[in-house]
Amino acid sequence: MSFQNYPTANLSRRLAALFYDSFVLFSLYILGGFILVAIIKAVNQGEFPGALPMSVNLSLFFCITFMYYTHSWLKGGQTIGMKAWRICLINARQQHGKTLPLQLSQCMLRCGCGFFSTVLGLLGFVWMLFDKQQRTWHDMASLTRVVHMPAGMK
């Protein structure tokens, strides 16, 4: 069975996967913060100059999030949360009846749109309730689909 024939993942599965991924991301942020503090202390002869500016914190936050999602999607179309809820990201484009592999540009666009979708109170996610094809803003922008793989169908 082609991935294109799987049903589109519903909003509750997507949000549950996002919730699961938040635990992984939280641990990655802590690890990234430890590494950043160690580098700053090494450069300043063991002295920490104080709190980091908000711009540095937000940049670290976005970079870690971007790398986690992009790496996971390019390697298998799923993050840890997506695996738990049996959903998968696929390319919506086909060539000769076969689904094309995800591209870095699609993942980059999806991360950027997904970030703004989340910041705007999950409005981009809620959009799928009104779209006939059940697409979120980041699905439409990146030409991707999130499909649900029911148990027993591989």
N, C-alpha and C. Protein backbone atom coordinates (compact mmCIF):
# COMPACT_ATOMS: atom_id res chain seq x y z
N MET A 1 0.84 -1.18 0.00
CA MET A 1 0.00 0.00 0.00
C MET A 1 0.89 1.25 0.00
N SER A 2 0.60 2.19 -0.86
CA SER A 2 1.34 3.43 -0.94
C SER A 2 1.01 4.34 0.23
N PHE A 3 2.00 5.13 0.65
CA PHE A 3 1.75 6.10 1.73
C PHE A 3 0.61 7.05 1.37
N GLN A 4 0.46 7.35 0.08
CA GLN A 4 -0.59 8.27 -0.35
C GLN A 4 -1.98 7.73 -0.03
N ASN A 5 -2.11 6.42 0.14
CA ASN A 5 -3.42 5.82 0.41
C ASN A 5 -3.78 5.79 1.89
N TYR A 6 -2.83 6.11 2.75
CA TYR A 6 -3.12 6.16 4.18
C TYR A 6 -4.00 7.36 4.49
N PRO A 7 -4.82 7.28 5.54
CA PRO A 7 -5.66 8.43 5.90
C PRO A 7 -4.82 9.55 6.50
N THR A 8 -5.29 10.77 6.34
CA THR A 8 -4.62 11.92 6.93
C THR A 8 -4.77 11.86 8.45
N ALA A 9 -3.69 12.16 9.15
CA ALA A 9 -3.71 12.14 10.62
C ALA A 9 -4.61 13.26 11.14
N ASN A 10 -5.42 12.94 12.16
CA ASN A 10 -6.32 13.95 12.70
C ASN A 10 -5.59 14.89 13.66
N LEU A 11 -6.29 15.94 14.07
CA LEU A 11 -5.69 16.98 14.90
C LEU A 11 -5.23 16.44 16.25
N SER A 12 -6.00 15.57 16.88
CA SER A 12 -5.62 15.07 18.20
C SER A 12 -4.33 14.25 18.14
N ARG A 13 -4.13 13.46 17.10
CA ARG A 13 -2.88 12.70 16.96
C ARG A 13 -1.70 13.64 16.74
N ARG A 14 -1.89 14.65 15.94
CA ARG A 14 -0.79 15.59 15.68
C ARG A 14 -0.39 16.34 16.95
N LEU A 15 -1.39 16.79 17.71
CA LEU A 15 -1.09 17.52 18.95
C LEU A 15 -0.48 16.61 19.99
N ALA A 16 -0.92 15.35 20.05
CA ALA A 16 -0.34 14.39 20.99
C ALA A 16 1.14 14.15 20.65
N ALA A 17 1.44 14.00 19.37
CA ALA A 17 2.83 13.81 18.94
C ALA A 17 3.67 15.05 19.27
N LEU A 18 3.09 16.23 19.09
CA LEU A 18 3.77 17.48 19.42
C LEU A 18 4.06 17.53 20.92
N PHE A 19 3.12 17.08 21.74
CA PHE A 19 3.30 17.03 23.19
C PHE A 19 4.43 16.07 23.56
N TYR A 20 4.45 14.89 22.97
CA TYR A 20 5.53 13.92 23.22
C TYR A 20 6.88 14.51 22.82
N ASP A 21 6.92 15.15 21.66
CA ASP A 21 8.17 15.74 21.19
C ASP A 21 8.65 16.87 22.09
N SER A 22 7.74 17.52 22.78
CA SER A 22 8.14 18.61 23.68
C SER A 22 9.05 18.10 24.80
N PHE A 23 8.87 16.86 25.24
CA PHE A 23 9.74 16.30 26.26
C PHE A 23 11.16 16.07 25.72
N VAL A 24 11.24 15.58 24.50
CA VAL A 24 12.55 15.37 23.87
C VAL A 24 13.23 16.72 23.67
N LEU A 25 12.47 17.69 23.17
CA LEU A 25 13.04 19.02 22.91
C LEU A 25 13.50 19.69 24.21
N PHE A 26 12.73 19.53 25.26
CA PHE A 26 13.11 20.12 26.55
C PHE A 26 14.46 19.59 27.00
N SER A 27 14.66 18.29 26.88
CA SER A 27 15.95 17.70 27.27
C SER A 27 17.08 18.18 26.34
N LEU A 28 16.79 18.34 25.07
CA LEU A 28 17.79 18.85 24.14
C LEU A 28 18.15 20.31 24.45
N TYR A 29 17.16 21.12 24.87
CA TYR A 29 17.43 22.52 25.25
C TYR A 29 18.34 22.57 26.46
N ILE A 30 18.10 21.70 27.44
CA ILE A 30 18.94 21.67 28.63
C ILE A 30 20.37 21.29 28.24
N LEU A 31 20.51 20.27 27.41
CA LEU A 31 21.82 19.84 26.95
C LEU A 31 22.52 20.96 26.17
N GLY A 32 21.79 21.60 25.28
CA GLY A 32 22.35 22.72 24.51
C GLY A 32 22.77 23.87 25.41
N GLY A 33 21.98 24.14 26.45
CA GLY A 33 22.33 25.20 27.39
C GLY A 33 23.60 24.88 28.16
N PHE A 34 23.75 23.62 28.58
CA PHE A 34 24.96 23.19 29.28
C PHE A 34 26.19 23.38 28.39
N ILE A 35 26.06 22.99 27.14
CA ILE A 35 27.18 23.12 26.20
C ILE A 35 27.52 24.58 25.98
N LEU A 36 26.51 25.42 25.79
CA LEU A 36 26.73 26.84 25.56
C LEU A 36 27.39 27.50 26.77
N VAL A 37 26.94 27.18 27.97
CA VAL A 37 27.54 27.75 29.18
C VAL A 37 28.98 27.28 29.32
N ALA A 38 29.26 26.02 29.02
CA ALA A 38 30.63 25.51 29.11
C ALA A 38 31.55 26.24 28.14
N ILE A 39 31.06 26.49 26.94
CA ILE A 39 31.87 27.22 25.94
C ILE A 39 32.13 28.64 26.40
N ILE A 40 31.10 29.32 26.90
CA ILE A 40 31.26 30.70 27.35
C ILE A 40 32.22 30.78 28.54
N LYS A 41 32.11 29.83 29.46
CA LYS A 41 33.02 29.83 30.61
C LYS A 41 34.45 29.55 30.18
N ALA A 42 34.65 28.68 29.19
CA ALA A 42 35.99 28.37 28.71
C ALA A 42 36.62 29.59 28.04
N VAL A 43 35.81 30.33 27.29
CA VAL A 43 36.31 31.52 26.60
C VAL A 43 36.62 32.64 27.60
N ASN A 44 35.87 32.74 28.69
CA ASN A 44 36.04 33.82 29.68
C ASN A 44 36.86 33.38 30.89
N GLN A 45 37.77 32.44 30.74
CA GLN A 45 38.64 31.96 31.81
C GLN A 45 37.86 31.54 33.06
N GLY A 46 36.79 30.78 32.86
CA GLY A 46 36.03 30.21 33.98
C GLY A 46 35.01 31.13 34.61
N GLU A 47 34.86 32.33 34.09
CA GLU A 47 33.89 33.26 34.67
C GLU A 47 32.70 33.42 33.72
N PHE A 48 31.52 33.32 34.28
CA PHE A 48 30.31 33.46 33.46
C PHE A 48 29.85 34.91 33.51
N PRO A 49 29.62 35.55 32.36
CA PRO A 49 29.29 36.98 32.33
C PRO A 49 27.87 37.32 32.79
N GLY A 50 27.05 36.36 33.11
CA GLY A 50 25.68 36.65 33.54
C GLY A 50 24.67 36.02 32.60
N ALA A 51 23.44 36.46 32.71
CA ALA A 51 22.36 35.90 31.89
C ALA A 51 22.59 36.18 30.42
N LEU A 52 22.22 35.20 29.61
CA LEU A 52 22.33 35.37 28.17
C LEU A 52 21.18 36.25 27.67
N PRO A 53 21.43 37.04 26.63
CA PRO A 53 20.34 37.85 26.07
C PRO A 53 19.22 36.96 25.52
N MET A 54 18.02 37.49 25.52
CA MET A 54 16.86 36.74 25.04
C MET A 54 17.05 36.30 23.59
N SER A 55 17.73 37.13 22.79
CA SER A 55 17.95 36.76 21.39
C SER A 55 18.80 35.49 21.27
N VAL A 56 19.77 35.32 22.15
CA VAL A 56 20.59 34.12 22.13
C VAL A 56 19.76 32.91 22.55
N ASN A 57 18.96 33.08 23.60
CA ASN A 57 18.10 31.98 24.07
C ASN A 57 17.11 31.55 23.00
N LEU A 58 16.47 32.51 22.35
CA LEU A 58 15.49 32.18 21.31
C LEU A 58 16.15 31.55 20.08
N SER A 59 17.34 32.02 19.76
CA SER A 59 18.07 31.44 18.62
C SER A 59 18.44 30.00 18.92
N LEU A 60 18.90 29.74 20.14
CA LEU A 60 19.23 28.37 20.54
C LEU A 60 17.98 27.50 20.48
N PHE A 61 16.87 28.02 20.99
CA PHE A 61 15.59 27.31 20.98
C PHE A 61 15.19 26.94 19.56
N PHE A 62 15.23 27.90 18.66
CA PHE A 62 14.80 27.65 17.29
C PHE A 62 15.76 26.70 16.56
N CYS A 63 17.06 26.87 16.76
CA CYS A 63 18.03 26.01 16.07
C CYS A 63 17.91 24.56 16.52
N ILE A 64 17.75 24.32 17.81
CA ILE A 64 17.61 22.95 18.31
C ILE A 64 16.33 22.34 17.78
N THR A 65 15.24 23.10 17.82
CA THR A 65 13.96 22.60 17.31
C THR A 65 14.07 22.27 15.82
N PHE A 66 14.65 23.19 15.07
CA PHE A 66 14.81 22.99 13.63
C PHE A 66 15.64 21.74 13.34
N MET A 67 16.76 21.57 14.03
CA MET A 67 17.63 20.42 13.77
C MET A 67 16.96 19.11 14.16
N TYR A 68 16.24 19.10 15.27
CA TYR A 68 15.56 17.88 15.72
C TYR A 68 14.51 17.44 14.70
N TYR A 69 13.62 18.35 14.32
CA TYR A 69 12.56 17.99 13.39
C TYR A 69 13.10 17.66 12.00
N THR A 70 14.00 18.47 11.50
CA THR A 70 14.54 18.24 10.16
C THR A 70 15.29 16.91 10.08
N HIS A 71 16.13 16.64 11.05
CA HIS A 71 16.86 15.38 11.06
C HIS A 71 15.89 14.19 11.11
N SER A 72 14.91 14.26 12.00
CA SER A 72 13.95 13.16 12.14
C SER A 72 13.15 12.94 10.87
N TRP A 73 12.68 14.01 10.26
CA TRP A 73 11.86 13.89 9.05
C TRP A 73 12.67 13.37 7.87
N LEU A 74 13.90 13.84 7.72
CA LEU A 74 14.71 13.40 6.58
C LEU A 74 15.17 11.95 6.74
N LYS A 75 15.37 11.50 7.96
CA LYS A 75 15.86 10.14 8.18
C LYS A 75 14.76 9.09 8.13
N GLY A 76 13.52 9.46 8.39
CA GLY A 76 12.49 8.42 8.37
C GLY A 76 11.07 8.95 8.31
N GLY A 77 10.93 10.27 8.24
CA GLY A 77 9.59 10.85 8.16
C GLY A 77 8.86 10.93 9.48
N GLN A 78 9.55 10.58 10.59
CA GLN A 78 8.89 10.56 11.88
C GLN A 78 9.81 11.05 12.99
N THR A 79 9.22 11.78 13.94
CA THR A 79 9.91 12.10 15.18
C THR A 79 9.53 11.03 16.19
N ILE A 80 10.08 11.12 17.39
CA ILE A 80 9.75 10.14 18.43
C ILE A 80 8.25 10.19 18.76
N GLY A 81 7.70 11.39 18.87
CA GLY A 81 6.27 11.52 19.14
C GLY A 81 5.40 10.99 18.00
N MET A 82 5.85 11.20 16.79
CA MET A 82 5.10 10.70 15.63
C MET A 82 5.12 9.18 15.58
N LYS A 83 6.23 8.57 15.97
CA LYS A 83 6.31 7.11 16.00
C LYS A 83 5.34 6.55 17.03
N ALA A 84 5.26 7.21 18.19
CA ALA A 84 4.37 6.74 19.25
C ALA A 84 2.91 6.78 18.82
N TRP A 85 2.55 7.77 18.02
CA TRP A 85 1.15 7.93 17.58
C TRP A 85 0.92 7.40 16.17
N ARG A 86 1.91 6.71 15.62
CA ARG A 86 1.81 6.07 14.31
C ARG A 86 1.40 7.05 13.20
N ILE A 87 2.06 8.19 13.19
CA ILE A 87 1.85 9.13 12.09
C ILE A 87 3.18 9.37 11.40
N CYS A 88 3.12 9.75 10.15
CA CYS A 88 4.34 9.89 9.34
C CYS A 88 4.20 11.09 8.40
N LEU A 89 5.28 11.79 8.19
CA LEU A 89 5.31 12.91 7.26
C LEU A 89 5.75 12.40 5.90
N ILE A 90 4.98 12.72 4.88
CA ILE A 90 5.33 12.31 3.52
C ILE A 90 5.26 13.50 2.57
N ASN A 91 5.92 13.37 1.46
CA ASN A 91 5.87 14.37 0.41
C ASN A 91 4.52 14.23 -0.29
N ALA A 92 3.82 15.33 -0.48
CA ALA A 92 2.52 15.27 -1.15
C ALA A 92 2.66 15.12 -2.66
N ARG A 93 3.86 15.39 -3.17
CA ARG A 93 4.10 15.28 -4.62
C ARG A 93 4.45 13.85 -5.01
N GLN A 94 4.04 13.47 -6.19
CA GLN A 94 4.33 12.14 -6.72
C GLN A 94 4.97 12.26 -8.09
N GLN A 95 5.71 11.22 -8.45
CA GLN A 95 6.27 11.13 -9.79
C GLN A 95 6.12 9.69 -10.25
N HIS A 96 5.45 9.50 -11.36
CA HIS A 96 5.17 8.17 -11.91
C HIS A 96 4.44 7.29 -10.89
N GLY A 97 3.52 7.90 -10.15
CA GLY A 97 2.71 7.16 -9.19
C GLY A 97 3.40 6.83 -7.88
N LYS A 98 4.64 7.28 -7.69
CA LYS A 98 5.38 7.01 -6.45
C LYS A 98 5.59 8.30 -5.68
N THR A 99 5.50 8.18 -4.36
CA THR A 99 5.74 9.33 -3.50
C THR A 99 7.21 9.69 -3.52
N LEU A 100 7.52 10.96 -3.75
CA LEU A 100 8.91 11.41 -3.76
C LEU A 100 9.43 11.52 -2.33
N PRO A 101 10.73 11.36 -2.12
CA PRO A 101 11.28 11.51 -0.76
C PRO A 101 11.21 12.97 -0.32
N LEU A 102 11.19 13.18 0.99
CA LEU A 102 11.18 14.54 1.52
C LEU A 102 12.49 15.24 1.18
N GLN A 103 12.42 16.54 0.98
CA GLN A 103 13.61 17.32 0.67
C GLN A 103 13.89 18.27 1.83
N LEU A 104 15.13 18.69 1.95
CA LEU A 104 15.54 19.61 3.01
C LEU A 104 14.73 20.90 2.94
N SER A 105 14.50 21.39 1.73
CA SER A 105 13.75 22.65 1.57
C SER A 105 12.32 22.52 2.12
N GLN A 106 11.71 21.36 1.94
CA GLN A 106 10.37 21.15 2.48
C GLN A 106 10.39 21.14 4.01
N CYS A 107 11.40 20.51 4.58
CA CYS A 107 11.52 20.46 6.03
C CYS A 107 11.79 21.85 6.61
N MET A 108 12.61 22.63 5.92
CA MET A 108 12.90 23.99 6.38
C MET A 108 11.64 24.84 6.36
N LEU A 109 10.92 24.77 5.27
CA LEU A 109 9.68 25.54 5.14
C LEU A 109 8.64 25.09 6.16
N ARG A 110 8.55 23.79 6.37
CA ARG A 110 7.61 23.24 7.34
C ARG A 110 7.94 23.70 8.76
N CYS A 111 9.22 23.70 9.11
CA CYS A 111 9.62 24.16 10.44
C CYS A 111 9.29 25.64 10.64
N GLY A 112 9.61 26.45 9.65
CA GLY A 112 9.33 27.88 9.77
C GLY A 112 7.84 28.17 9.90
N CYS A 113 7.04 27.58 9.04
CA CYS A 113 5.59 27.79 9.10
C CYS A 113 4.99 27.18 10.36
N GLY A 114 5.52 26.02 10.76
CA GLY A 114 5.03 25.38 11.97
C GLY A 114 5.31 26.20 13.20
N PHE A 115 6.47 26.87 13.22
CA PHE A 115 6.83 27.74 14.34
C PHE A 115 5.82 28.89 14.47
N PHE A 116 5.54 29.56 13.35
CA PHE A 116 4.58 30.67 13.40
C PHE A 116 3.16 30.18 13.66
N SER A 117 2.84 29.02 13.16
CA SER A 117 1.54 28.42 13.42
C SER A 117 1.34 28.17 14.91
N THR A 118 2.39 27.71 15.57
CA THR A 118 2.33 27.43 17.01
C THR A 118 2.29 28.72 17.81
N VAL A 119 3.13 29.69 17.42
CA VAL A 119 3.18 30.97 18.13
C VAL A 119 1.83 31.69 18.06
N LEU A 120 1.12 31.53 16.98
CA LEU A 120 -0.19 32.18 16.82
C LEU A 120 -1.31 31.36 17.46
N GLY A 121 -1.00 30.67 18.54
CA GLY A 121 -2.02 29.95 19.30
C GLY A 121 -2.52 28.70 18.60
N LEU A 122 -1.63 28.02 17.87
CA LEU A 122 -1.98 26.78 17.15
C LEU A 122 -3.02 27.02 16.05
N LEU A 123 -3.13 28.25 15.61
CA LEU A 123 -4.11 28.59 14.58
C LEU A 123 -3.88 27.81 13.29
N GLY A 124 -2.62 27.59 12.93
CA GLY A 124 -2.31 26.81 11.73
C GLY A 124 -2.74 25.37 11.85
N PHE A 125 -2.73 24.83 13.06
CA PHE A 125 -3.21 23.46 13.28
C PHE A 125 -4.73 23.41 13.21
N VAL A 126 -5.38 24.39 13.83
CA VAL A 126 -6.85 24.43 13.85
C VAL A 126 -7.40 24.60 12.43
N TRP A 127 -6.60 25.20 11.56
CA TRP A 127 -7.01 25.41 10.18
C TRP A 127 -7.43 24.10 9.51
N MET A 128 -6.81 22.99 9.92
CA MET A 128 -7.11 21.71 9.28
C MET A 128 -8.56 21.27 9.51
N LEU A 129 -9.18 21.80 10.53
CA LEU A 129 -10.59 21.47 10.79
C LEU A 129 -11.52 22.06 9.73
N PHE A 130 -11.05 23.10 9.06
CA PHE A 130 -11.86 23.79 8.05
C PHE A 130 -11.42 23.48 6.62
N ASP A 131 -10.26 22.88 6.47
CA ASP A 131 -9.74 22.54 5.14
C ASP A 131 -10.33 21.20 4.70
N LYS A 132 -10.80 21.12 3.46
CA LYS A 132 -11.41 19.88 2.97
C LYS A 132 -10.42 18.72 2.93
N GLN A 133 -9.15 19.00 2.72
CA GLN A 133 -8.13 17.95 2.66
C GLN A 133 -7.43 17.77 4.01
N GLN A 134 -7.89 18.42 5.04
CA GLN A 134 -7.34 18.35 6.40
C GLN A 134 -5.86 18.72 6.44
N ARG A 135 -5.51 19.82 5.80
CA ARG A 135 -4.13 20.29 5.77
C ARG A 135 -3.94 21.44 6.74
N THR A 136 -2.79 21.47 7.41
CA THR A 136 -2.43 22.61 8.25
C THR A 136 -1.70 23.62 7.36
N TRP A 137 -1.40 24.78 7.93
CA TRP A 137 -0.67 25.79 7.16
C TRP A 137 0.67 25.26 6.70
N HIS A 138 1.36 24.56 7.59
CA HIS A 138 2.69 24.07 7.21
C HIS A 138 2.62 22.90 6.24
N ASP A 139 1.52 22.16 6.23
CA ASP A 139 1.32 21.13 5.19
C ASP A 139 1.20 21.81 3.82
N MET A 140 0.38 22.84 3.77
CA MET A 140 0.15 23.53 2.49
C MET A 140 1.41 24.22 1.99
N ALA A 141 2.14 24.89 2.89
CA ALA A 141 3.33 25.64 2.49
C ALA A 141 4.45 24.73 2.00
N SER A 142 4.61 23.57 2.63
CA SER A 142 5.73 22.70 2.29
C SER A 142 5.36 21.55 1.34
N LEU A 143 4.12 21.49 0.92
CA LEU A 143 3.63 20.43 0.03
C LEU A 143 3.91 19.04 0.64
N THR A 144 3.51 18.89 1.90
CA THR A 144 3.67 17.62 2.60
C THR A 144 2.33 17.19 3.17
N ARG A 145 2.27 15.93 3.63
CA ARG A 145 1.08 15.39 4.29
C ARG A 145 1.52 14.62 5.52
N VAL A 146 0.69 14.65 6.55
CA VAL A 146 0.92 13.83 7.72
C VAL A 146 -0.17 12.75 7.69
N VAL A 147 0.28 11.51 7.58
CA VAL A 147 -0.66 10.40 7.46
C VAL A 147 -0.64 9.52 8.71
N HIS A 148 -1.77 8.90 8.96
CA HIS A 148 -1.90 7.95 10.08
C HIS A 148 -1.73 6.55 9.52
N MET A 149 -0.85 5.79 10.14
CA MET A 149 -0.61 4.41 9.71
C MET A 149 -1.29 3.48 10.72
N PRO A 150 -2.50 3.02 10.44
CA PRO A 150 -3.20 2.16 11.39
C PRO A 150 -2.40 0.90 11.72
N ALA A 151 -2.62 0.37 12.92
CA ALA A 151 -1.89 -0.82 13.36
C ALA A 151 -2.14 -1.97 12.39
N GLY A 152 -1.10 -2.70 12.09
CA GLY A 152 -1.23 -3.84 11.19
C GLY A 152 -1.07 -3.50 9.73
N MET A 153 -0.92 -2.22 9.39
CA MET A 153 -0.77 -1.81 7.99
C MET A 153 0.62 -1.21 7.83
N LYS A 154 1.54 -1.95 7.32
CA LYS A 154 2.90 -1.46 7.09
C LYS A 154 3.26 -1.55 5.64
